Amino acid sequence: MKAMLFLAAALAPGAAQAGLTAGAGRAAIELPASLLPIDRFTAQLDPLEVRVLTLGDGTSKVAIALIDQTSLSARDVATMQAVVGKATGAAGEDVLVVASHTFSAPHMFAANPPPGIAVDEAETLRARAYVANAMAALEKAAHQAADTAAPATLRFGAAISQVAVNRNVETPEGWWLGADEAGYSDRTVATVELESADHRPIASLVNYAVQSSVMDQTGGPDSSKAISADLAGATMRRVEQHLGGVSLFLTGAAGDQVPAYTARRYAYGADGKPALASLGAAGYPLVALQGERLGDAALRAARAAAPVRAERLTLFHGKVSLTTQERPKQLSQLKPSRDYRYQINGRADAPYTLLTLGDVAIIGVQVELSAATGAWLRAHSPYRHTIVATMVNGAAKYLPDAQSYRRITYQAMNSSYGPGSAEVMAQAIIAQLGHMAKAGKGAK
């Protein structure tokens, strides 16, 4: 386990006591028509963007880079950390690269297809051009963040939003995907506001447990897919329009959470069995409507936010050993089941990152946690304010809670980790936060 405890350095004799600084930048990823089709996307509904936030305390520097992507590989993360680190002066490992988790963005892996995977040469060239444009946008946003860094104050707020719904529905054959309004959802929208000394907005972090999947697998002509920053993008644009500054949407513990209304979804008949239904491109207004609602909840949280003293940063990188299980080779093999058997096949390390700003703790994980696990982490955190962000520094699919395994949900069958792993990881994270809070006197 590797730790980087900046607090000790900040308390050393002669250490700089400059207080908190912050800067932010935003840039669109150029995606000209010449790059379409790409990754089976044939049209674009709204821009994909990159947003970067830099944070410093006079001794340490951290950057958070958010990119409109479904997920990021280890190679993608390393490349982006190098780009942001060079532009901002933050060490590469001190750059947190986060995917917004929109399901409607081209994947980057086609630019460097793995051995044995046949990829059309023209598609590869388009993918490489797309990745190059994404990196150019990332560099531009990172330079903006570095150039605008200034003394900052911090405020934390929370509100409630009903945009998310639990995606696990019980059918006669077992649990499957849909919208269960009676299922558990974490309705809390949390915001971290960063303002200049004269109270001008610099940036806001918006955290909510929902996948950005309104237009998943649809939106283009003739049943094709369309590119969109989806719910996260609409929410960020709403906040930026009415609050100012740069807004970064951090997807919460949303492994079992989807927007209440999606263009493509499972509809259930009188027999209780699911069938896919799609509105196609006609479903796109659902992005704006739900983005408006979620954005307005974030704005309520921001306007009611209370000041937080945060003069020092602490960053910790850790990992926890978890049991692993076999995943189906093809998603088409998954179906509702009452007797599915989880096949344990070993152990693997699951990484996590902890960033604290005074009494605010940000938990970052690669895995997609269930909403109940995210709420448990918040409730048991020793910090006054805690947010849980997924898709941080890579992606590792689902890490469901114990109930999900008992019910044999889609997430449990499609997880690389065995039953009980989410609880093991949550306990390890809380224990480490306890050590950090004790050292920094940041406990509740």
Protein backbone atom coordinates (compact mmCIF):
# COMPACT_ATOMS: atom_id res chain seq x y z
CA MET A 1 0.00 0.00 0.00
CA LYS A 2 1.36 3.35 -1.01
CA ALA A 3 0.54 6.46 0.94
CA MET A 4 1.28 10.07 0.17
CA LEU A 5 0.46 11.97 3.32
CA PHE A 6 0.98 15.58 2.46
CA LEU A 7 -0.22 16.70 5.86
CA ALA A 8 3.00 15.71 7.57
CA ALA A 9 5.02 17.79 5.15
CA ALA A 10 2.69 20.74 5.61
CA LEU A 11 3.21 20.65 9.36
CA ALA A 12 7.02 20.46 9.13
CA PRO A 13 9.01 23.44 10.41
CA GLY A 14 9.34 26.09 7.74
CA ALA A 15 6.68 24.57 5.52
CA ALA A 16 4.67 27.00 3.38
CA GLN A 17 1.31 27.99 4.83
CA ALA A 18 -0.24 29.55 1.77
CA GLY A 19 -3.75 28.16 2.30
CA LEU A 20 -5.93 26.65 -0.40
CA THR A 21 -5.57 27.60 -4.06
CA ALA A 22 -7.72 26.45 -6.96
CA GLY A 23 -7.96 26.90 -10.71
CA ALA A 24 -10.24 25.38 -13.34
CA GLY A 25 -10.48 24.96 -17.10
CA ARG A 26 -12.83 23.49 -19.68
CA ALA A 27 -12.46 22.55 -23.37
CA ALA A 28 -14.57 20.76 -25.96
CA ILE A 29 -13.29 17.67 -27.75
CA GLU A 30 -13.34 18.41 -31.47
CA LEU A 31 -15.28 15.74 -33.33
CA PRO A 32 -15.71 16.77 -36.97
CA ALA A 33 -18.07 14.86 -39.27
CA SER A 34 -15.03 13.33 -40.97
CA LEU A 35 -14.47 11.17 -37.87
CA LEU A 36 -17.92 9.58 -38.11
CA PRO A 37 -18.86 6.82 -37.95
CA ILE A 38 -16.71 5.89 -34.96
CA ASP A 39 -17.27 3.03 -32.53
CA ARG A 40 -20.71 2.57 -34.17
CA PHE A 41 -21.69 6.19 -33.45
CA THR A 42 -23.03 7.95 -36.55
CA ALA A 43 -24.18 11.35 -35.19
CA GLN A 44 -23.52 13.82 -32.38
CA LEU A 45 -26.22 15.35 -30.17
CA ASP A 46 -24.11 17.60 -27.94
CA PRO A 47 -20.42 18.28 -27.24
CA LEU A 48 -18.08 16.00 -25.34
CA GLU A 49 -15.86 18.03 -23.02
CA VAL A 50 -12.90 17.89 -20.68
CA ARG A 51 -12.77 19.74 -17.36
CA VAL A 52 -9.75 20.14 -15.08
CA LEU A 53 -9.51 21.38 -11.50
CA THR A 54 -6.21 22.10 -9.76
CA LEU A 55 -5.88 22.30 -5.99
CA GLY A 56 -2.87 23.35 -3.92
CA ASP A 57 -1.98 24.17 -0.33
CA GLY A 58 1.45 25.78 -0.74
CA THR A 59 3.14 22.42 -0.22
CA SER A 60 1.18 19.97 -2.33
CA LYS A 61 -0.68 20.07 -5.63
CA VAL A 62 -3.48 17.81 -6.87
CA ALA A 63 -5.45 17.88 -10.12
CA ILE A 64 -8.79 16.33 -11.01
CA ALA A 65 -9.41 15.76 -14.72
CA LEU A 66 -12.91 14.83 -15.85
CA ILE A 67 -13.48 13.59 -19.39
CA ASP A 68 -16.73 12.64 -21.08
CA GLN A 69 -16.08 8.94 -21.51
CA THR A 70 -17.82 5.74 -20.46
CA SER A 71 -14.66 4.33 -18.93
CA LEU A 72 -10.89 4.60 -19.20
CA SER A 73 -8.17 1.97 -19.47
CA ALA A 74 -4.97 2.01 -17.44
CA ARG A 75 -3.16 3.19 -20.58
CA ASP A 76 -5.63 6.06 -21.07
CA VAL A 77 -5.25 7.11 -17.43
CA ALA A 78 -1.45 7.10 -17.52
CA THR A 79 -1.38 9.19 -20.70
CA MET A 80 -3.84 11.71 -19.29
CA GLN A 81 -2.00 11.96 -15.99
CA ALA A 82 1.16 12.82 -17.91
CA VAL A 83 -0.60 15.50 -19.97
CA VAL A 84 -2.27 17.13 -16.97
CA GLY A 85 0.79 16.80 -14.78
CA LYS A 86 2.99 18.55 -17.31
CA ALA A 87 0.51 21.41 -17.73
CA THR A 88 -0.27 21.94 -14.04
CA GLY A 89 2.93 20.94 -12.26
CA ALA A 90 1.19 18.15 -10.33
CA ALA A 91 3.03 14.84 -10.14
CA GLY A 92 1.43 12.29 -12.46
CA GLU A 93 0.18 10.08 -9.63
CA ASP A 94 -1.35 13.16 -7.99
CA VAL A 95 -3.68 13.61 -10.98
CA LEU A 96 -7.07 11.95 -10.55
CA VAL A 97 -8.50 11.08 -13.96
CA VAL A 98 -12.26 10.51 -13.88
CA ALA A 99 -14.68 9.38 -16.57
CA SER A 100 -18.07 11.11 -16.52
CA HIS A 101 -19.53 7.69 -17.34
CA THR A 102 -21.64 8.83 -20.25
CA PHE A 103 -22.63 5.73 -22.20
CA SER A 104 -22.73 7.73 -25.42
CA ALA A 105 -19.07 8.47 -26.10
CA PRO A 106 -16.68 6.56 -28.39
CA HIS A 107 -14.28 4.33 -26.51
CA MET A 108 -10.60 5.16 -26.87
CA PHE A 109 -9.32 1.58 -27.03
CA ALA A 110 -9.92 1.33 -30.80
CA ALA A 111 -6.95 3.68 -31.26
CA ASN A 112 -4.69 0.94 -29.92
CA PRO A 113 -6.55 -2.35 -30.42
CA PRO A 114 -5.24 -5.25 -28.34
CA PRO A 115 -3.46 -8.15 -30.08
CA GLY A 116 -5.78 -10.59 -31.75
CA ILE A 117 -8.65 -8.12 -32.10
CA ALA A 118 -9.45 -7.29 -35.71
CA VAL A 119 -10.23 -3.60 -36.20
CA ASP A 120 -10.93 -1.88 -39.48
CA GLU A 121 -7.92 0.25 -40.49
CA ALA A 122 -10.04 3.29 -41.33
CA GLU A 123 -11.80 2.97 -37.98
CA THR A 124 -8.45 2.82 -36.20
CA LEU A 125 -7.29 6.01 -37.92
CA ARG A 126 -10.50 7.81 -36.95
CA ALA A 127 -10.13 6.58 -33.38
CA ARG A 128 -6.55 7.84 -33.20
CA ALA A 129 -7.61 11.25 -34.47
CA TYR A 130 -10.39 11.32 -31.87
CA VAL A 131 -7.97 10.44 -29.07
CA ALA A 132 -5.54 13.10 -30.28
CA ASN A 133 -8.33 15.69 -30.17
CA ALA A 134 -9.29 14.56 -26.66
CA MET A 135 -5.71 14.94 -25.48
CA ALA A 136 -5.49 18.39 -27.06
CA ALA A 137 -8.65 19.43 -25.20
CA LEU A 138 -7.27 17.97 -21.99
CA GLU A 139 -4.04 19.93 -22.35
CA LYS A 140 -5.95 23.14 -23.08
CA ALA A 141 -8.21 22.71 -20.03
CA ALA A 142 -5.23 21.84 -17.82
CA HIS A 143 -3.35 24.97 -18.87
CA GLN A 144 -6.44 27.07 -18.14
CA ALA A 145 -6.66 25.52 -14.69
CA ALA A 146 -3.00 26.18 -13.98
CA ASP A 147 -3.13 29.74 -15.30
CA THR A 148 -6.19 30.67 -13.23
CA ALA A 149 -5.05 29.15 -9.92
CA ALA A 150 -5.66 31.62 -7.08
CA PRO A 151 -6.41 31.68 -3.35
CA ALA A 152 -9.72 29.95 -2.76
CA THR A 153 -12.29 29.20 -0.11
CA LEU A 154 -14.40 26.08 0.09
CA ARG A 155 -18.07 25.45 0.85
CA PHE A 156 -20.01 22.18 1.07
CA GLY A 157 -23.69 21.73 0.35
CA ALA A 158 -26.27 19.00 -0.14
CA ALA A 159 -29.76 18.69 -1.59
CA ILE A 160 -32.15 15.98 -2.74
CA SER A 161 -32.95 14.87 -6.29
CA GLN A 162 -35.37 12.21 -7.54
CA VAL A 163 -33.67 11.80 -10.93
CA ALA A 164 -32.15 8.40 -10.14
CA VAL A 165 -34.02 5.11 -9.82
CA ASN A 166 -32.90 1.62 -8.82
CA ARG A 167 -32.35 -0.50 -11.94
CA ASN A 168 -32.99 -3.93 -10.38
CA VAL A 169 -36.48 -5.34 -11.00
CA GLU A 170 -37.78 -8.71 -9.85
CA THR A 171 -39.25 -10.88 -12.61
CA PRO A 172 -40.78 -14.38 -12.48
CA GLU A 173 -37.40 -15.83 -13.53
CA GLY A 174 -35.25 -13.65 -11.26
CA TRP A 175 -33.94 -10.10 -10.98
CA TRP A 176 -33.27 -8.10 -14.13
CA LEU A 177 -32.82 -4.55 -15.43
CA GLY A 178 -35.49 -1.88 -15.44
CA ALA A 179 -36.75 0.84 -13.12
CA ASP A 180 -37.83 -0.06 -9.59
CA GLU A 181 -39.10 3.06 -7.85
CA ALA A 182 -39.50 1.06 -4.64
CA GLY A 183 -35.86 -0.04 -4.73
CA TYR A 184 -33.14 1.76 -2.82
CA SER A 185 -31.67 4.94 -4.30
CA ASP A 186 -29.38 7.48 -2.66
CA ARG A 187 -31.07 10.79 -3.39
CA THR A 188 -28.32 13.05 -2.01
CA VAL A 189 -26.72 15.57 -4.35
CA ALA A 190 -23.50 16.85 -2.78
CA THR A 191 -21.54 19.86 -3.97
CA VAL A 192 -18.10 21.19 -3.16
CA GLU A 193 -17.87 24.87 -4.09
CA LEU A 194 -14.55 26.63 -4.65
CA GLU A 195 -14.62 30.43 -4.72
CA SER A 196 -12.05 33.17 -5.11
CA ALA A 197 -11.26 35.64 -2.34
CA ASP A 198 -13.89 38.01 -3.76
CA HIS A 199 -16.49 35.21 -3.87
CA ARG A 200 -16.37 34.58 -7.60
CA PRO A 201 -17.05 30.91 -8.50
CA ILE A 202 -13.97 28.97 -9.58
CA ALA A 203 -15.33 25.44 -9.74
CA SER A 204 -17.91 23.10 -8.30
CA LEU A 205 -17.82 19.36 -7.78
CA VAL A 206 -21.26 17.78 -8.17
CA ASN A 207 -21.69 14.25 -6.82
CA TYR A 208 -24.76 12.07 -7.37
CA ALA A 209 -25.37 8.33 -7.65
CA VAL A 210 -26.67 7.85 -11.19
CA GLN A 211 -25.32 6.54 -14.48
CA SER A 212 -25.39 8.92 -17.45
CA SER A 213 -27.27 6.48 -19.67
CA VAL A 214 -30.35 8.28 -20.99
CA MET A 215 -29.29 7.79 -24.61
CA ASP A 216 -27.41 4.51 -24.18
CA GLN A 217 -27.27 2.52 -27.45
CA THR A 218 -29.57 4.88 -29.35
CA GLY A 219 -30.12 8.43 -30.66
CA GLY A 220 -28.78 8.19 -34.20
CA PRO A 221 -30.62 7.73 -37.51
CA ASP A 222 -31.84 4.27 -38.50
CA SER A 223 -31.39 2.81 -35.01
CA SER A 224 -27.71 3.81 -34.81
CA LYS A 225 -26.01 5.43 -31.82
CA ALA A 226 -25.44 9.14 -31.23
CA ILE A 227 -22.68 10.84 -29.24
CA SER A 228 -23.71 12.80 -26.16
CA ALA A 229 -22.32 13.88 -22.79
CA ASP A 230 -25.78 12.75 -21.64
CA LEU A 231 -27.09 13.46 -18.14
CA ALA A 232 -23.74 14.42 -16.61
CA GLY A 233 -23.06 16.88 -19.41
CA ALA A 234 -26.51 18.46 -19.21
CA THR A 235 -26.16 18.79 -15.44
CA MET A 236 -22.73 20.44 -15.66
CA ARG A 237 -23.89 22.87 -18.34
CA ARG A 238 -26.89 23.82 -16.22
CA VAL A 239 -24.71 24.52 -13.16
CA GLU A 240 -22.13 26.46 -15.18
CA GLN A 241 -24.84 28.55 -16.83
CA HIS A 242 -26.49 29.63 -13.58
CA LEU A 243 -23.66 29.48 -11.05
CA GLY A 244 -20.57 30.20 -13.13
CA GLY A 245 -17.14 28.63 -12.97
CA VAL A 246 -16.37 25.10 -14.12
CA SER A 247 -18.53 22.23 -12.90
CA LEU A 248 -17.20 18.67 -12.60
CA PHE A 249 -19.75 15.86 -12.26
CA LEU A 250 -18.41 12.98 -10.17
CA THR A 251 -20.54 9.87 -10.62
CA GLY A 252 -21.44 8.43 -7.25
CA ALA A 253 -22.10 4.84 -6.20
CA ALA A 254 -24.34 4.20 -9.20
CA GLY A 255 -23.77 0.56 -10.10
CA ASP A 256 -27.47 -0.12 -9.51
CA GLN A 257 -28.79 3.35 -10.41
CA VAL A 258 -30.06 4.76 -13.72
CA PRO A 259 -31.94 7.90 -14.76
CA ALA A 260 -35.66 7.56 -14.07
CA TYR A 261 -36.42 7.99 -17.78
CA THR A 262 -34.23 6.60 -20.55
CA ALA A 263 -34.71 6.51 -24.30
CA ARG A 264 -33.95 2.78 -24.45
CA ARG A 265 -35.18 0.62 -21.60
CA TYR A 266 -36.76 -2.65 -20.57
CA ALA A 267 -40.54 -2.45 -20.50
CA TYR A 268 -42.46 -5.06 -18.52
CA GLY A 269 -45.66 -6.70 -19.76
CA ALA A 270 -48.57 -8.18 -17.86
CA ASP A 271 -46.64 -11.44 -17.53
CA GLY A 272 -43.82 -9.63 -15.72
CA LYS A 273 -41.30 -10.38 -18.45
CA PRO A 274 -39.01 -7.68 -19.89
CA ALA A 275 -38.83 -6.55 -23.50
CA LEU A 276 -36.54 -3.87 -24.93
CA ALA A 277 -38.23 -0.69 -26.11
CA SER A 278 -36.65 2.44 -27.59
CA LEU A 279 -37.70 5.99 -28.37
CA GLY A 280 -34.60 6.48 -30.52
CA ALA A 281 -33.62 10.08 -31.20
CA ALA A 282 -37.06 11.19 -29.97
CA GLY A 283 -35.86 10.40 -26.45
CA TYR A 284 -33.18 13.10 -26.46
CA PRO A 285 -35.36 15.73 -24.64
CA LEU A 286 -35.16 13.42 -21.63
CA VAL A 287 -31.49 14.40 -21.31
CA ALA A 288 -32.29 18.11 -21.09
CA LEU A 289 -35.25 17.65 -18.75
CA GLN A 290 -33.48 15.41 -16.26
CA GLY A 291 -30.26 17.41 -16.55
CA GLU A 292 -32.26 20.51 -15.67
CA ARG A 293 -33.75 18.83 -12.60
CA LEU A 294 -30.46 17.40 -11.38
CA GLY A 295 -28.65 20.66 -12.16
CA ASP A 296 -31.23 22.64 -10.23
CA ALA A 297 -30.78 20.33 -7.23
CA ALA A 298 -27.04 20.96 -7.43
CA LEU A 299 -27.69 24.69 -7.58
CA ARG A 300 -29.87 24.47 -4.46
CA ALA A 301 -27.06 22.63 -2.70
CA ALA A 302 -24.51 25.20 -3.85
CA ARG A 303 -26.55 28.20 -2.77
CA ALA A 304 -27.13 26.74 0.68
CA ALA A 305 -23.55 25.51 1.08
CA ALA A 306 -21.74 26.24 4.34
CA PRO A 307 -18.08 27.33 4.59
CA VAL A 308 -15.48 24.65 5.29
CA ARG A 309 -12.01 25.40 6.56
CA ALA A 310 -9.63 23.65 4.16
CA GLU A 311 -6.10 24.97 4.17
CA ARG A 312 -4.33 21.66 3.59
CA LEU A 313 -4.62 18.73 1.23
CA THR A 314 -4.08 15.07 2.01
CA LEU A 315 -3.89 12.45 -0.72
CA PHE A 316 -3.70 8.72 -0.13
CA HIS A 317 -3.50 5.87 -2.65
CA GLY A 318 -4.40 2.46 -1.27
CA LYS A 319 -5.60 -0.96 -2.33
CA VAL A 320 -7.47 -3.84 -0.78
CA SER A 321 -7.28 -7.54 -1.65
CA LEU A 322 -10.66 -8.98 -2.70
CA THR A 323 -11.90 -12.39 -3.83
CA THR A 324 -12.54 -12.64 -7.55
CA GLN A 325 -15.03 -14.61 -9.60
CA GLU A 326 -15.48 -15.67 -13.21
CA ARG A 327 -17.49 -13.33 -15.42
CA PRO A 328 -19.50 -14.48 -18.44
CA LYS A 329 -17.45 -14.28 -21.61
CA GLN A 330 -20.34 -12.52 -23.38
CA LEU A 331 -22.95 -10.20 -21.91
CA SER A 332 -25.55 -12.05 -24.00
CA GLN A 333 -25.06 -15.00 -21.63
CA LEU A 334 -26.58 -13.03 -18.76
CA LYS A 335 -30.26 -13.50 -18.02
CA PRO A 336 -32.58 -13.51 -15.00
CA SER A 337 -31.77 -16.46 -12.77
CA ARG A 338 -32.81 -18.03 -9.47
CA ASP A 339 -29.97 -20.54 -9.27
CA TYR A 340 -26.88 -18.80 -10.67
CA ARG A 341 -23.66 -20.03 -9.03
CA TYR A 342 -20.79 -17.61 -8.43
CA GLN A 343 -17.47 -19.22 -9.36
CA ILE A 344 -14.67 -17.90 -7.11
CA ASN A 345 -11.33 -18.06 -8.90
CA GLY A 346 -8.75 -16.15 -6.82
CA ARG A 347 -7.93 -12.73 -5.42
CA ALA A 348 -7.04 -9.33 -6.84
CA ASP A 349 -6.22 -5.87 -5.51
CA ALA A 350 -8.84 -3.15 -5.86
CA PRO A 351 -7.30 0.36 -5.75
CA TYR A 352 -8.83 3.41 -4.13
CA THR A 353 -7.84 7.05 -3.62
CA LEU A 354 -8.68 9.33 -0.72
CA LEU A 355 -8.46 13.11 -1.01
CA THR A 356 -9.24 15.30 1.98
CA LEU A 357 -9.71 19.05 2.10
CA GLY A 358 -10.09 20.01 5.72
CA ASP A 359 -13.35 18.41 6.88
CA VAL A 360 -14.23 17.19 3.37
CA ALA A 361 -13.25 13.69 2.24
CA ILE A 362 -13.49 12.49 -1.36
CA ILE A 363 -13.42 8.71 -1.78
CA GLY A 364 -12.42 7.66 -5.29
CA VAL A 365 -12.70 4.10 -6.58
CA GLN A 366 -12.48 2.39 -9.96
CA VAL A 367 -15.30 -0.03 -9.20
CA GLU A 368 -18.98 0.75 -9.61
CA LEU A 369 -20.42 0.46 -6.11
CA SER A 370 -24.08 0.02 -5.25
CA ALA A 371 -25.89 3.08 -3.91
CA ALA A 372 -26.33 1.42 -0.51
CA THR A 373 -22.54 0.99 -0.19
CA GLY A 374 -21.97 4.64 -1.06
CA ALA A 375 -24.47 5.74 1.57
CA TRP A 376 -22.84 3.43 4.14
CA LEU A 377 -19.43 4.97 3.44
CA ARG A 378 -20.81 8.47 3.96
CA ALA A 379 -22.56 7.48 7.16
CA HIS A 380 -19.47 5.83 8.66
CA SER A 381 -16.86 8.33 7.49
CA PRO A 382 -15.06 10.17 10.31
CA TYR A 383 -15.13 13.34 8.20
CA ARG A 384 -17.89 15.90 8.52
CA HIS A 385 -18.56 15.83 4.78
CA THR A 386 -17.87 12.85 2.49
CA ILE A 387 -18.56 12.13 -1.16
CA VAL A 388 -18.03 8.86 -3.01
CA ALA A 389 -16.87 8.96 -6.63
CA THR A 390 -16.54 6.00 -8.99
CA MET A 391 -14.69 5.60 -12.32
CA VAL A 392 -11.63 7.25 -10.75
CA ASN A 393 -8.27 6.37 -12.35
CA GLY A 394 -9.74 3.57 -14.43
CA ALA A 395 -12.69 1.20 -14.46
CA ALA A 396 -13.26 -2.22 -12.92
CA LYS A 397 -16.98 -2.92 -13.52
CA TYR A 398 -19.36 -3.67 -10.66
CA LEU A 399 -18.74 -4.22 -6.97
CA PRO A 400 -22.29 -4.89 -5.70
CA ASP A 401 -23.48 -5.05 -2.12
CA ALA A 402 -24.37 -8.32 -0.36
CA GLN A 403 -28.10 -8.04 -1.13
CA SER A 404 -27.36 -7.82 -4.84
CA TYR A 405 -25.50 -11.14 -4.72
CA ARG A 406 -28.32 -12.76 -2.77
CA ARG A 407 -30.84 -11.57 -5.33
CA ILE A 408 -28.57 -12.60 -8.27
CA THR A 409 -28.79 -9.25 -10.03
CA TYR A 410 -27.20 -8.28 -13.32
CA GLN A 411 -24.44 -6.43 -11.46
CA ALA A 412 -23.65 -9.45 -9.25
CA MET A 413 -23.39 -11.83 -12.20
CA ASN A 414 -21.34 -9.31 -14.19
CA SER A 415 -18.87 -8.51 -11.40
CA SER A 416 -15.23 -9.62 -11.33
CA TYR A 417 -15.41 -9.81 -7.53
CA GLY A 418 -17.00 -12.36 -5.26
CA PRO A 419 -19.79 -11.93 -2.70
CA GLY A 420 -18.82 -9.86 0.33
CA SER A 421 -16.08 -7.91 -1.47
CA ALA A 422 -17.89 -4.56 -1.35
CA GLU A 423 -18.19 -4.78 2.42
CA VAL A 424 -14.49 -5.67 2.79
CA MET A 425 -13.46 -2.70 0.66
CA ALA A 426 -15.80 -0.30 2.45
CA GLN A 427 -14.44 -1.31 5.85
CA ALA A 428 -10.84 -0.84 4.65
CA ILE A 429 -11.62 2.63 3.31
CA ILE A 430 -13.30 3.74 6.52
CA ALA A 431 -10.39 2.41 8.58
CA GLN A 432 -7.92 4.40 6.48
CA LEU A 433 -10.05 7.54 6.71
CA GLY A 434 -10.00 7.08 10.46
CA HIS A 435 -6.18 7.11 10.47
CA MET A 436 -6.14 10.22 8.29
CA ALA A 437 -8.74 12.05 10.37
CA LYS A 438 -6.83 11.31 13.55
CA ALA A 439 -3.56 12.55 12.05
CA GLY A 440 -5.16 15.67 10.61
CA LYS A 441 -7.76 16.27 13.31
CA GLY A 442 -10.42 16.28 10.62
CA ALA A 443 -12.91 14.05 12.41
CA LYS A 444 -16.56 14.89 12.98
